[in-house]
Amino acid sequence: MRLEQSLPLLGLLLCVVSFLLGPSSNKEFLVEISGTTVTITCPLTADSITWKLTGMTEVSHERKYVIENHDSSPTNVSCSTEGKKYEMYLNARVCTNCEELDALAVTGIITADLLITFGVLILVYYFSKDRKGRASAGAGSRPRGQKMQRPPPVPNPDYEPIRKGQREVYAGLESRGF
């Protein structure tokens, strides 16, 4: 089956599933973590909510359930009332020495880091810009005086170019056939 034919069928299937599950399936738990405290808010709005965690049951009148000193162990959490039940698998990692940062603090840290990095780059650029024209004073360098023009190299007499009056010197050389 081609993709164009299967997409409307998939859309129809999703509509049927969402209709069968009903509007309450879109509600979710709200989990807030602060230090070692985990606060869970149930999507139900009834007066009496029964909370169940792995190994214990508690009846409460509040939508929020607070777990103090959570030990980061995974647990099953459910809240129910008069026939409606919501379940969740909680795997929250908590720590005692964690620091909470808001978005403004994180943005400030990143901005300050970028400004410092660009400042260092600009300083390196300006300080290295002056060194381009200087000669290095390494071990193999010698002090230079005025620029002197060197005389042309002495020609090798074995490889002198043929001049107009000297053809007879090379007349005895003939090409050999190989």
N, C-alpha and C. Protein backbone atom coordinates (compact mmCIF):
# COMPACT_ATOMS: atom_id res chain seq x y z
N MET A 1 0.85 -1.17 0.00
CA MET A 1 0.00 0.00 0.00
C MET A 1 0.90 1.24 0.00
N ARG A 2 0.55 2.20 -0.79
CA ARG A 2 1.36 3.41 -0.87
C ARG A 2 1.11 4.31 0.33
N LEU A 3 2.06 5.20 0.58
CA LEU A 3 2.00 6.07 1.75
C LEU A 3 0.80 7.03 1.69
N GLU A 4 0.47 7.51 0.51
CA GLU A 4 -0.64 8.45 0.38
C GLU A 4 -1.97 7.80 0.78
N GLN A 5 -2.10 6.51 0.55
CA GLN A 5 -3.35 5.83 0.88
C GLN A 5 -3.40 5.46 2.37
N SER A 6 -2.23 5.25 2.99
CA SER A 6 -2.24 4.80 4.38
C SER A 6 -2.37 5.96 5.37
N LEU A 7 -2.02 7.19 4.98
CA LEU A 7 -2.11 8.32 5.91
C LEU A 7 -3.54 8.65 6.31
N PRO A 8 -4.51 8.73 5.41
CA PRO A 8 -5.89 8.97 5.86
C PRO A 8 -6.42 7.84 6.74
N LEU A 9 -6.03 6.61 6.45
CA LEU A 9 -6.45 5.48 7.25
C LEU A 9 -5.87 5.58 8.67
N LEU A 10 -4.62 6.01 8.79
CA LEU A 10 -3.99 6.19 10.08
C LEU A 10 -4.67 7.32 10.86
N GLY A 11 -5.02 8.40 10.19
CA GLY A 11 -5.73 9.51 10.84
C GLY A 11 -7.09 9.07 11.35
N LEU A 12 -7.80 8.29 10.58
CA LEU A 12 -9.11 7.78 11.00
C LEU A 12 -8.96 6.87 12.21
N LEU A 13 -7.93 6.02 12.22
CA LEU A 13 -7.69 5.13 13.34
C LEU A 13 -7.38 5.92 14.61
N LEU A 14 -6.59 6.97 14.50
CA LEU A 14 -6.29 7.81 15.67
C LEU A 14 -7.53 8.51 16.20
N CYS A 15 -8.40 8.96 15.32
CA CYS A 15 -9.65 9.60 15.75
C CYS A 15 -10.54 8.62 16.51
N VAL A 16 -10.63 7.39 16.04
CA VAL A 16 -11.47 6.37 16.69
C VAL A 16 -10.91 6.04 18.07
N VAL A 17 -9.59 5.89 18.16
CA VAL A 17 -8.97 5.56 19.44
C VAL A 17 -9.18 6.69 20.44
N SER A 18 -9.00 7.94 20.02
CA SER A 18 -9.18 9.06 20.93
C SER A 18 -10.65 9.21 21.35
N PHE A 19 -11.59 8.84 20.48
CA PHE A 19 -13.00 8.89 20.84
C PHE A 19 -13.33 7.81 21.87
N LEU A 20 -12.77 6.61 21.68
CA LEU A 20 -13.04 5.51 22.60
C LEU A 20 -12.42 5.75 23.98
N LEU A 21 -11.25 6.35 24.04
CA LEU A 21 -10.61 6.59 25.32
C LEU A 21 -11.27 7.74 26.07
N GLY A 22 -11.85 8.63 25.36
CA GLY A 22 -12.57 9.73 26.00
C GLY A 22 -11.65 10.91 26.30
N PRO A 23 -12.25 12.02 26.71
CA PRO A 23 -11.46 13.22 26.95
C PRO A 23 -10.58 13.15 28.20
N SER A 24 -10.89 12.23 29.13
CA SER A 24 -10.12 12.17 30.38
C SER A 24 -8.74 11.58 30.17
N SER A 25 -8.47 10.94 29.03
CA SER A 25 -7.16 10.32 28.82
C SER A 25 -6.09 11.37 28.55
N ASN A 26 -6.48 12.59 28.24
CA ASN A 26 -5.51 13.64 27.97
C ASN A 26 -4.95 14.25 29.25
N LYS A 27 -5.59 13.97 30.41
CA LYS A 27 -5.13 14.54 31.66
C LYS A 27 -3.89 13.78 32.12
N GLU A 28 -2.98 14.52 32.73
CA GLU A 28 -1.72 13.93 33.16
C GLU A 28 -1.41 14.33 34.59
N PHE A 29 -0.55 13.55 35.22
CA PHE A 29 -0.03 13.90 36.53
C PHE A 29 0.92 15.07 36.38
N LEU A 30 1.01 15.88 37.41
CA LEU A 30 1.99 16.95 37.46
C LEU A 30 2.98 16.58 38.56
N VAL A 31 4.26 16.47 38.21
CA VAL A 31 5.29 16.07 39.17
C VAL A 31 6.26 17.22 39.34
N GLU A 32 6.48 17.62 40.59
CA GLU A 32 7.43 18.67 40.92
C GLU A 32 8.49 18.10 41.85
N ILE A 33 9.76 18.37 41.54
CA ILE A 33 10.86 17.84 42.34
C ILE A 33 11.66 19.02 42.88
N SER A 34 11.90 19.02 44.18
CA SER A 34 12.71 20.05 44.81
C SER A 34 13.55 19.39 45.89
N GLY A 35 14.85 19.29 45.65
CA GLY A 35 15.72 18.61 46.59
C GLY A 35 15.35 17.14 46.68
N THR A 36 14.96 16.67 47.86
CA THR A 36 14.52 15.28 48.01
C THR A 36 13.01 15.18 48.16
N THR A 37 12.29 16.28 47.93
CA THR A 37 10.84 16.29 48.05
C THR A 37 10.20 16.17 46.67
N VAL A 38 9.29 15.22 46.52
CA VAL A 38 8.56 15.02 45.27
C VAL A 38 7.09 15.30 45.53
N THR A 39 6.50 16.22 44.75
CA THR A 39 5.08 16.56 44.90
C THR A 39 4.36 16.11 43.63
N ILE A 40 3.32 15.29 43.81
CA ILE A 40 2.56 14.75 42.68
C ILE A 40 1.15 15.30 42.75
N THR A 41 0.66 15.84 41.63
CA THR A 41 -0.71 16.36 41.56
C THR A 41 -1.54 15.43 40.69
N CYS A 42 -2.66 14.97 41.22
CA CYS A 42 -3.54 14.04 40.51
C CYS A 42 -4.43 14.82 39.53
N PRO A 43 -4.71 14.24 38.36
CA PRO A 43 -5.59 14.92 37.40
C PRO A 43 -7.06 14.91 37.82
N LEU A 44 -7.44 14.12 38.84
CA LEU A 44 -8.83 14.08 39.31
C LEU A 44 -9.12 15.31 40.16
N THR A 45 -10.39 15.76 40.13
CA THR A 45 -10.77 16.95 40.91
C THR A 45 -11.79 16.63 42.00
N ALA A 46 -11.90 15.37 42.38
CA ALA A 46 -12.90 14.97 43.39
C ALA A 46 -12.45 15.40 44.79
N ASP A 47 -13.38 15.28 45.75
CA ASP A 47 -13.09 15.69 47.13
C ASP A 47 -12.23 14.65 47.85
N SER A 48 -12.52 13.39 47.67
CA SER A 48 -11.80 12.34 48.37
C SER A 48 -11.01 11.51 47.36
N ILE A 49 -9.69 11.59 47.43
CA ILE A 49 -8.82 10.88 46.49
C ILE A 49 -8.02 9.85 47.27
N THR A 50 -7.97 8.64 46.73
CA THR A 50 -7.19 7.57 47.35
C THR A 50 -5.87 7.45 46.60
N TRP A 51 -4.78 7.63 47.32
CA TRP A 51 -3.44 7.52 46.73
C TRP A 51 -2.87 6.15 47.07
N LYS A 52 -2.29 5.51 46.09
CA LYS A 52 -1.63 4.22 46.31
C LYS A 52 -0.21 4.31 45.76
N LEU A 53 0.74 4.03 46.62
CA LEU A 53 2.13 3.89 46.21
C LEU A 53 2.50 2.43 46.43
N THR A 54 3.56 1.99 45.85
CA THR A 54 3.97 0.60 46.00
C THR A 54 4.12 0.27 47.48
N GLY A 55 3.26 -0.58 47.99
CA GLY A 55 3.35 -1.02 49.38
C GLY A 55 2.51 -0.24 50.37
N MET A 56 1.87 0.85 50.00
CA MET A 56 1.07 1.59 50.97
C MET A 56 -0.13 2.26 50.31
N THR A 57 -1.19 2.48 51.08
CA THR A 57 -2.41 3.13 50.61
C THR A 57 -2.75 4.25 51.58
N GLU A 58 -3.15 5.39 51.03
CA GLU A 58 -3.49 6.53 51.88
C GLU A 58 -4.69 7.24 51.28
N VAL A 59 -5.64 7.57 52.12
CA VAL A 59 -6.81 8.33 51.68
C VAL A 59 -6.56 9.79 52.03
N SER A 60 -6.74 10.65 51.04
CA SER A 60 -6.46 12.07 51.26
C SER A 60 -7.58 12.89 50.62
N HIS A 61 -7.72 14.10 51.06
CA HIS A 61 -8.71 14.99 50.47
C HIS A 61 -8.05 16.01 49.55
N GLU A 62 -6.79 15.88 49.34
CA GLU A 62 -6.08 16.85 48.50
C GLU A 62 -5.66 16.20 47.18
N ARG A 63 -5.56 17.04 46.18
CA ARG A 63 -5.10 16.56 44.87
C ARG A 63 -3.60 16.34 44.84
N LYS A 64 -2.90 16.96 45.79
CA LYS A 64 -1.44 16.86 45.81
C LYS A 64 -1.00 15.85 46.86
N TYR A 65 -0.02 15.04 46.47
CA TYR A 65 0.58 14.08 47.39
C TYR A 65 2.07 14.41 47.47
N VAL A 66 2.58 14.58 48.68
CA VAL A 66 3.96 14.99 48.90
C VAL A 66 4.74 13.82 49.47
N ILE A 67 5.85 13.49 48.81
CA ILE A 67 6.75 12.45 49.30
C ILE A 67 8.00 13.16 49.81
N GLU A 68 8.20 13.13 51.13
CA GLU A 68 9.38 13.75 51.74
C GLU A 68 10.53 12.74 51.73
N ASN A 69 11.74 13.20 51.55
CA ASN A 69 12.95 12.37 51.57
C ASN A 69 12.83 11.16 50.66
N HIS A 70 12.47 11.40 49.43
CA HIS A 70 12.36 10.33 48.43
C HIS A 70 13.76 9.75 48.18
N ASP A 71 13.86 8.44 48.05
CA ASP A 71 15.17 7.80 47.92
C ASP A 71 15.52 7.44 46.47
N SER A 72 14.87 8.03 45.51
CA SER A 72 15.11 7.82 44.07
C SER A 72 14.80 6.41 43.60
N SER A 73 14.10 5.64 44.37
CA SER A 73 13.73 4.30 43.91
C SER A 73 12.46 4.39 43.07
N PRO A 74 12.39 3.62 41.98
CA PRO A 74 11.19 3.65 41.14
C PRO A 74 9.98 3.09 41.90
N THR A 75 8.83 3.67 41.66
CA THR A 75 7.61 3.24 42.35
C THR A 75 6.40 3.46 41.44
N ASN A 76 5.35 2.70 41.70
CA ASN A 76 4.08 2.87 40.99
C ASN A 76 3.18 3.74 41.83
N VAL A 77 2.60 4.76 41.22
CA VAL A 77 1.73 5.70 41.92
C VAL A 77 0.37 5.68 41.22
N SER A 78 -0.71 5.67 42.02
CA SER A 78 -2.04 5.76 41.42
C SER A 78 -2.93 6.61 42.33
N CYS A 79 -3.83 7.33 41.69
CA CYS A 79 -4.83 8.08 42.42
C CYS A 79 -6.19 7.68 41.86
N SER A 80 -7.16 7.50 42.74
CA SER A 80 -8.47 7.02 42.28
C SER A 80 -9.57 7.60 43.13
N THR A 81 -10.73 7.63 42.53
CA THR A 81 -11.95 8.04 43.22
C THR A 81 -13.15 7.54 42.43
N GLU A 82 -14.15 7.02 43.08
CA GLU A 82 -15.42 6.58 42.50
C GLU A 82 -15.33 6.06 41.08
N GLY A 83 -14.55 5.06 40.83
CA GLY A 83 -14.51 4.43 39.52
C GLY A 83 -13.47 4.98 38.56
N LYS A 84 -12.90 6.12 38.81
CA LYS A 84 -11.86 6.65 37.94
C LYS A 84 -10.51 6.43 38.61
N LYS A 85 -9.56 5.97 37.82
CA LYS A 85 -8.24 5.68 38.37
C LYS A 85 -7.16 6.09 37.37
N TYR A 86 -6.15 6.76 37.86
CA TYR A 86 -5.00 7.15 37.05
C TYR A 86 -3.76 6.53 37.67
N GLU A 87 -2.93 5.94 36.83
CA GLU A 87 -1.72 5.29 37.30
C GLU A 87 -0.50 5.92 36.62
N MET A 88 0.63 5.84 37.35
CA MET A 88 1.86 6.41 36.81
C MET A 88 3.03 5.62 37.39
N TYR A 89 4.08 5.48 36.59
CA TYR A 89 5.33 4.88 37.05
C TYR A 89 6.28 6.04 37.33
N LEU A 90 6.66 6.20 38.59
CA LEU A 90 7.51 7.32 39.00
C LEU A 90 8.95 6.85 39.13
N ASN A 91 9.82 7.44 38.34
CA ASN A 91 11.26 7.14 38.40
C ASN A 91 11.97 8.48 38.50
N ALA A 92 11.83 9.13 39.64
CA ALA A 92 12.39 10.47 39.85
C ALA A 92 13.73 10.35 40.55
N ARG A 93 14.74 11.00 39.98
CA ARG A 93 16.07 11.04 40.60
C ARG A 93 16.19 12.33 41.39
N VAL A 94 16.46 12.19 42.68
CA VAL A 94 16.59 13.35 43.55
C VAL A 94 17.98 13.34 44.17
N CYS A 95 18.42 14.52 44.63
CA CYS A 95 19.70 14.59 45.32
C CYS A 95 19.61 15.65 46.41
N THR A 96 20.44 15.48 47.44
CA THR A 96 20.37 16.39 48.59
C THR A 96 21.16 17.67 48.35
N ASN A 97 22.23 17.62 47.58
CA ASN A 97 23.09 18.79 47.39
C ASN A 97 22.88 19.48 46.06
N CYS A 98 21.78 19.26 45.42
CA CYS A 98 21.52 19.88 44.11
C CYS A 98 21.13 21.35 44.28
N GLU A 99 21.52 22.14 43.33
CA GLU A 99 21.12 23.55 43.29
C GLU A 99 20.12 23.74 42.16
N GLU A 100 19.07 24.44 42.44
CA GLU A 100 18.07 24.71 41.41
C GLU A 100 18.40 26.02 40.71
N LEU A 101 18.38 26.00 39.40
CA LEU A 101 18.64 27.20 38.61
C LEU A 101 17.41 27.50 37.78
N ASP A 102 17.03 28.76 37.77
CA ASP A 102 15.93 29.14 36.90
C ASP A 102 16.49 29.50 35.52
N ALA A 103 15.61 29.75 34.59
CA ALA A 103 16.02 30.01 33.21
C ALA A 103 16.84 31.28 33.09
N LEU A 104 16.55 32.28 33.91
CA LEU A 104 17.30 33.53 33.86
C LEU A 104 18.75 33.33 34.30
N ALA A 105 18.98 32.52 35.31
CA ALA A 105 20.35 32.26 35.78
C ALA A 105 21.15 31.49 34.73
N VAL A 106 20.53 30.50 34.10
CA VAL A 106 21.21 29.73 33.06
C VAL A 106 21.54 30.62 31.87
N THR A 107 20.60 31.48 31.48
CA THR A 107 20.85 32.41 30.38
C THR A 107 21.98 33.37 30.72
N GLY A 108 22.03 33.86 31.94
CA GLY A 108 23.10 34.76 32.37
C GLY A 108 24.45 34.08 32.34
N ILE A 109 24.53 32.83 32.79
CA ILE A 109 25.79 32.09 32.78
C ILE A 109 26.28 31.88 31.36
N ILE A 110 25.41 31.49 30.46
CA ILE A 110 25.81 31.25 29.07
C ILE A 110 26.24 32.56 28.41
N THR A 111 25.51 33.64 28.65
CA THR A 111 25.87 34.94 28.06
C THR A 111 27.21 35.42 28.58
N ALA A 112 27.46 35.30 29.88
CA ALA A 112 28.74 35.73 30.44
C ALA A 112 29.89 34.89 29.88
N ASP A 113 29.67 33.60 29.71
CA ASP A 113 30.70 32.74 29.14
C ASP A 113 31.03 33.14 27.71
N LEU A 114 30.02 33.43 26.91
CA LEU A 114 30.25 33.85 25.52
C LEU A 114 30.98 35.19 25.47
N LEU A 115 30.61 36.14 26.32
CA LEU A 115 31.28 37.44 26.33
C LEU A 115 32.75 37.31 26.73
N ILE A 116 33.04 36.50 27.72
CA ILE A 116 34.43 36.30 28.13
C ILE A 116 35.22 35.63 27.01
N THR A 117 34.64 34.64 26.36
CA THR A 117 35.32 33.95 25.26
C THR A 117 35.63 34.91 24.12
N PHE A 118 34.66 35.72 23.73
CA PHE A 118 34.90 36.69 22.65
C PHE A 118 35.93 37.74 23.07
N GLY A 119 35.93 38.14 24.33
CA GLY A 119 36.93 39.09 24.82
C GLY A 119 38.34 38.53 24.72
N VAL A 120 38.50 37.27 25.10
CA VAL A 120 39.82 36.63 25.00
C VAL A 120 40.24 36.51 23.54
N LEU A 121 39.30 36.17 22.66
CA LEU A 121 39.63 36.06 21.24
C LEU A 121 40.08 37.41 20.67
N ILE A 122 39.42 38.48 21.05
CA ILE A 122 39.79 39.81 20.54
C ILE A 122 41.16 40.20 21.08
N LEU A 123 41.45 39.94 22.36
CA LEU A 123 42.77 40.25 22.91
C LEU A 123 43.88 39.46 22.21
N VAL A 124 43.66 38.20 21.99
CA VAL A 124 44.67 37.39 21.29
C VAL A 124 44.87 37.91 19.88
N TYR A 125 43.83 38.29 19.21
CA TYR A 125 43.94 38.81 17.85
C TYR A 125 44.79 40.09 17.83
N TYR A 126 44.50 41.03 18.72
CA TYR A 126 45.23 42.30 18.69
C TYR A 126 46.68 42.15 19.13
N PHE A 127 46.96 41.27 20.07
CA PHE A 127 48.35 41.08 20.48
C PHE A 127 49.15 40.30 19.46
N SER A 128 48.53 39.39 18.73
CA SER A 128 49.26 38.63 17.71
C SER A 128 49.36 39.40 16.41
N LYS A 129 48.56 40.41 16.22
CA LYS A 129 48.56 41.20 15.00
C LYS A 129 49.88 41.96 14.85
N ASP A 130 50.48 42.45 15.94
CA ASP A 130 51.72 43.22 15.88
C ASP A 130 52.93 42.35 15.60
N ARG A 131 52.90 41.08 15.85
CA ARG A 131 54.05 40.20 15.70
C ARG A 131 54.22 39.66 14.30
N LYS A 132 53.34 39.93 13.39
CA LYS A 132 53.43 39.34 12.06
C LYS A 132 54.65 39.83 11.29
N GLY A 133 55.01 41.11 11.38
CA GLY A 133 56.10 41.67 10.57
C GLY A 133 57.47 41.51 11.20
N ARG A 134 57.57 41.09 12.43
CA ARG A 134 58.85 40.99 13.10
C ARG A 134 59.57 39.71 12.73
N ALA A 135 60.94 39.82 12.64
CA ALA A 135 61.74 38.64 12.39
C ALA A 135 62.00 37.97 13.74
N SER A 136 62.02 36.67 13.73
CA SER A 136 62.26 35.96 14.98
C SER A 136 63.75 35.94 15.27
N ALA A 137 64.12 35.99 16.53
CA ALA A 137 65.53 35.96 16.93
C ALA A 137 65.86 34.55 17.38
N GLY A 138 65.74 33.58 16.50
CA GLY A 138 65.99 32.19 16.83
C GLY A 138 67.48 31.89 16.82
N ALA A 139 67.86 30.63 17.05
CA ALA A 139 69.25 30.23 17.16
C ALA A 139 69.96 30.29 15.81
N GLY A 140 69.28 30.04 14.73
CA GLY A 140 69.94 29.99 13.42
C GLY A 140 69.95 31.32 12.70
N SER A 141 69.51 32.36 13.30
CA SER A 141 69.46 33.63 12.59
C SER A 141 70.72 34.44 12.86
N ARG A 142 71.08 35.27 11.94
CA ARG A 142 72.24 36.14 12.11
C ARG A 142 71.77 37.56 11.95
N PRO A 143 72.46 38.48 12.56
CA PRO A 143 72.04 39.87 12.42
C PRO A 143 72.21 40.33 10.98
N ARG A 144 71.22 41.03 10.53
CA ARG A 144 71.25 41.49 9.14
C ARG A 144 71.68 42.94 9.08
N GLY A 145 72.53 43.24 8.14
CA GLY A 145 72.92 44.62 7.91
C GLY A 145 72.07 45.18 6.80
N GLN A 146 72.64 46.08 6.03
CA GLN A 146 71.90 46.60 4.90
C GLN A 146 71.73 45.51 3.87
N LYS A 147 70.68 45.59 3.14
CA LYS A 147 70.46 44.59 2.11
C LYS A 147 71.48 44.82 1.00
N MET A 148 72.27 43.81 0.75
CA MET A 148 73.28 43.91 -0.30
C MET A 148 72.85 43.04 -1.45
N GLN A 149 73.10 43.52 -2.64
CA GLN A 149 72.77 42.72 -3.81
C GLN A 149 73.90 41.73 -4.05
N ARG A 150 73.52 40.51 -4.24
CA ARG A 150 74.52 39.49 -4.51
C ARG A 150 74.89 39.53 -5.98
N PRO A 151 76.12 39.24 -6.25
CA PRO A 151 76.49 39.16 -7.68
C PRO A 151 75.87 37.91 -8.29
N PRO A 152 75.72 37.89 -9.59
CA PRO A 152 75.15 36.70 -10.22
C PRO A 152 76.07 35.50 -10.00
N PRO A 153 75.53 34.31 -9.99
CA PRO A 153 76.36 33.13 -9.76
C PRO A 153 77.38 32.93 -10.89
N VAL A 154 78.50 32.35 -10.50
CA VAL A 154 79.54 32.10 -11.49
C VAL A 154 79.09 30.95 -12.38
N PRO A 155 79.17 31.14 -13.70
CA PRO A 155 78.69 30.07 -14.58
C PRO A 155 79.67 28.89 -14.59
N ASN A 156 79.10 27.74 -14.69
CA ASN A 156 79.90 26.52 -14.77
C ASN A 156 80.41 26.39 -16.19
N PRO A 157 81.72 26.27 -16.41
CA PRO A 157 82.24 26.22 -17.78
C PRO A 157 81.81 24.97 -18.53
N ASP A 158 81.44 23.90 -17.82
CA ASP A 158 81.01 22.69 -18.52
C ASP A 158 79.63 22.85 -19.14
N TYR A 159 78.85 23.76 -18.62
CA TYR A 159 77.49 23.92 -19.12
C TYR A 159 77.24 25.32 -19.62
N GLU A 160 78.20 25.90 -20.28
CA GLU A 160 78.02 27.25 -20.83
C GLU A 160 77.06 27.20 -22.00
N PRO A 161 76.24 28.22 -22.13
CA PRO A 161 75.38 28.26 -23.32
C PRO A 161 76.21 28.54 -24.58
N ILE A 162 75.74 28.06 -25.69
CA ILE A 162 76.43 28.26 -26.96
C ILE A 162 76.26 29.70 -27.39
N ARG A 163 77.37 30.35 -27.65
CA ARG A 163 77.31 31.72 -28.14
C ARG A 163 77.58 31.73 -29.64
N LYS A 164 77.37 32.85 -30.27
CA LYS A 164 77.45 32.91 -31.73
C LYS A 164 78.81 32.50 -32.27
N GLY A 165 79.91 32.92 -31.71
CA GLY A 165 81.22 32.63 -32.30
C GLY A 165 81.83 31.34 -31.82
N GLN A 166 81.17 30.53 -31.05
CA GLN A 166 81.80 29.35 -30.47
C GLN A 166 81.16 28.04 -30.95
N ARG A 167 80.59 27.99 -32.09
CA ARG A 167 79.95 26.77 -32.56
C ARG A 167 80.97 25.69 -32.88
N GLU A 168 82.19 26.07 -33.24
CA GLU A 168 83.17 25.05 -33.61
C GLU A 168 83.62 24.22 -32.41
N VAL A 169 83.48 24.70 -31.20
CA VAL A 169 83.86 23.92 -30.02
C VAL A 169 82.98 22.69 -29.91
N TYR A 170 81.72 22.86 -30.27
CA TYR A 170 80.77 21.76 -30.13
C TYR A 170 80.52 21.04 -31.46
N ALA A 171 81.25 21.37 -32.49
CA ALA A 171 81.03 20.78 -33.79
C ALA A 171 81.42 19.30 -33.81
N GLY A 172 82.38 18.89 -33.00
CA GLY A 172 82.83 17.51 -33.00
C GLY A 172 81.85 16.56 -32.31
N LEU A 173 80.91 17.08 -31.65
CA LEU A 173 79.94 16.20 -30.98
C LEU A 173 78.82 15.86 -31.93
N GLU A 174 78.65 14.60 -32.16
CA GLU A 174 77.59 14.16 -33.06
C GLU A 174 76.63 13.28 -32.28
N SER A 175 75.44 13.27 -32.73
CA SER A 175 74.44 12.43 -32.06
C SER A 175 74.69 10.96 -32.39
N ARG A 176 74.58 10.14 -31.44
CA ARG A 176 74.78 8.71 -31.64
C ARG A 176 73.44 8.03 -31.80
N GLY A 177 73.37 7.09 -32.63
CA GLY A 177 72.14 6.34 -32.79
C GLY A 177 72.10 5.16 -31.82
N PHE A 178 71.05 5.00 -31.15
CA PHE A 178 70.95 3.90 -30.19
C PHE A 178 70.26 2.73 -30.79
